[in-house]
Protein backbone atom coordinates (compact mmCIF):
# COMPACT_ATOMS: atom_id res chain seq x y z
CA UNK A 1 19.19 48.66 40.74
CA UNK A 2 18.25 51.32 38.24
CA UNK A 3 21.04 52.81 36.13
CA UNK A 4 20.19 56.14 34.46
CA UNK A 5 22.57 57.01 31.62
CA UNK A 6 22.62 60.57 30.28
CA UNK A 7 24.81 61.60 27.37
CA UNK A 8 25.39 65.29 26.74
CA UNK A 9 25.16 66.39 23.08
CA UNK A 10 25.44 62.92 21.58
CA UNK A 11 23.60 59.58 21.43
CA UNK A 12 25.14 56.51 23.10
CA UNK A 13 25.03 53.16 21.35
CA UNK A 14 23.54 50.05 22.96
CA UNK A 15 26.96 48.42 23.35
CA UNK A 16 28.23 51.31 25.50
CA UNK A 17 25.02 51.41 27.56
CA UNK A 18 25.19 47.66 28.23
CA UNK A 19 28.86 47.96 29.23
CA UNK A 20 28.08 50.75 31.72
CA UNK A 21 25.01 49.00 33.15
CA UNK A 22 26.98 45.79 33.67
CA UNK A 23 29.86 47.59 35.42
CA UNK A 24 27.67 49.77 37.62
CA UNK A 25 25.40 46.86 38.58
CA UNK A 26 28.40 45.05 40.08
CA UNK A 27 28.67 47.87 42.63
CA UNK A 28 25.18 47.14 43.95
CA UNK A 29 26.33 43.59 44.66
CA UNK A 30 29.01 44.98 46.97
CA UNK A 31 26.51 46.80 49.18
CA UNK A 32 22.78 46.22 49.60
CA UNK A 33 22.03 49.88 50.36
CA UNK A 34 22.63 51.06 46.78
CA UNK A 35 19.27 52.31 45.47
CA UNK A 36 20.32 53.46 42.01
CA UNK A 37 22.86 55.35 39.99
CA UNK A 38 23.17 58.21 37.57
CA UNK A 39 25.81 58.15 34.84
CA UNK A 40 26.59 61.24 32.79
CA UNK A 41 28.78 61.01 29.70
CA UNK A 42 30.34 64.12 28.15
CA UNK A 43 32.90 65.00 25.53
CA UNK A 44 35.32 67.74 26.60
CA UNK A 45 35.97 70.20 23.78
CA UNK A 46 39.67 70.47 24.52
CA UNK A 47 42.44 69.53 22.10
CA UNK A 48 43.48 66.63 24.35
CA UNK A 49 42.85 63.04 23.22
CA UNK A 50 41.67 62.24 26.75
CA UNK A 51 38.41 64.11 26.21
CA UNK A 52 35.76 61.54 27.24
CA UNK A 53 34.28 62.17 30.68
CA UNK A 54 32.25 59.71 32.76
CA UNK A 55 30.53 60.94 35.92
CA UNK A 56 28.89 58.34 38.13
CA UNK A 57 26.73 59.05 41.18
CA UNK A 58 25.74 56.10 43.36
CA UNK A 59 22.54 56.74 45.28
CA UNK A 60 22.68 55.30 48.78
CA UNK A 61 20.02 55.98 51.40
CA UNK A 62 20.94 59.28 53.03
CA UNK A 63 24.24 59.50 51.15
CA UNK A 64 25.63 59.69 47.61
CA UNK A 65 28.99 58.55 46.30
CA UNK A 66 30.43 60.36 43.28
CA UNK A 67 33.31 59.88 40.86
CA UNK A 68 34.28 61.78 37.73
CA UNK A 69 37.00 60.46 35.44
CA UNK A 70 38.37 61.56 32.07
CA UNK A 71 40.05 59.28 29.53
CA UNK A 72 40.47 58.42 25.83
CA UNK A 73 37.32 56.27 25.74
CA UNK A 74 34.07 56.19 27.68
CA UNK A 75 34.79 52.57 28.63
CA UNK A 76 38.15 53.48 30.14
CA UNK A 77 36.69 56.51 31.94
CA UNK A 78 33.86 54.32 33.29
CA UNK A 79 36.32 51.68 34.51
CA UNK A 80 38.43 54.20 36.43
CA UNK A 81 35.32 55.85 37.90
CA UNK A 82 34.04 52.42 39.02
CA UNK A 83 37.40 51.71 40.68
CA UNK A 84 37.19 55.01 42.55
CA UNK A 85 33.61 54.24 43.64
CA UNK A 86 34.64 50.78 44.88
CA UNK A 87 37.19 52.43 47.19
CA UNK A 88 34.59 54.93 48.39
CA UNK A 89 32.08 52.13 48.95
CA UNK A 90 34.60 50.15 51.02
CA UNK A 91 35.26 53.22 53.21
CA UNK A 92 31.53 53.84 53.55
CA UNK A 93 30.91 50.22 54.59
CA UNK A 94 33.69 50.45 57.19
CA UNK A 95 32.11 53.60 58.64
CA UNK A 96 28.68 51.92 58.82
CA UNK A 97 30.14 48.97 60.76
CA UNK A 98 31.49 51.25 63.50
């Protein structure tokens, strides 16, 4: 599965990219219909410490799953977004079985 990582107004390091690719790739193992994903990383300009935003879109044939989470670190935001996508993927799989 292809994982496209876009960072807005900054350059990601290899360590962060590898972390995201590893996490997102696990989702494709849950469901064979996942064709790819798009990850967008942003820094919110607010005064809050929880200013790192991870948006993940899973591309499934005829359907997309999406999660956007904000946290102190990109890793933490990615983890919570992945958790949300796992729940969505479970619901989607249940619907497909019916």
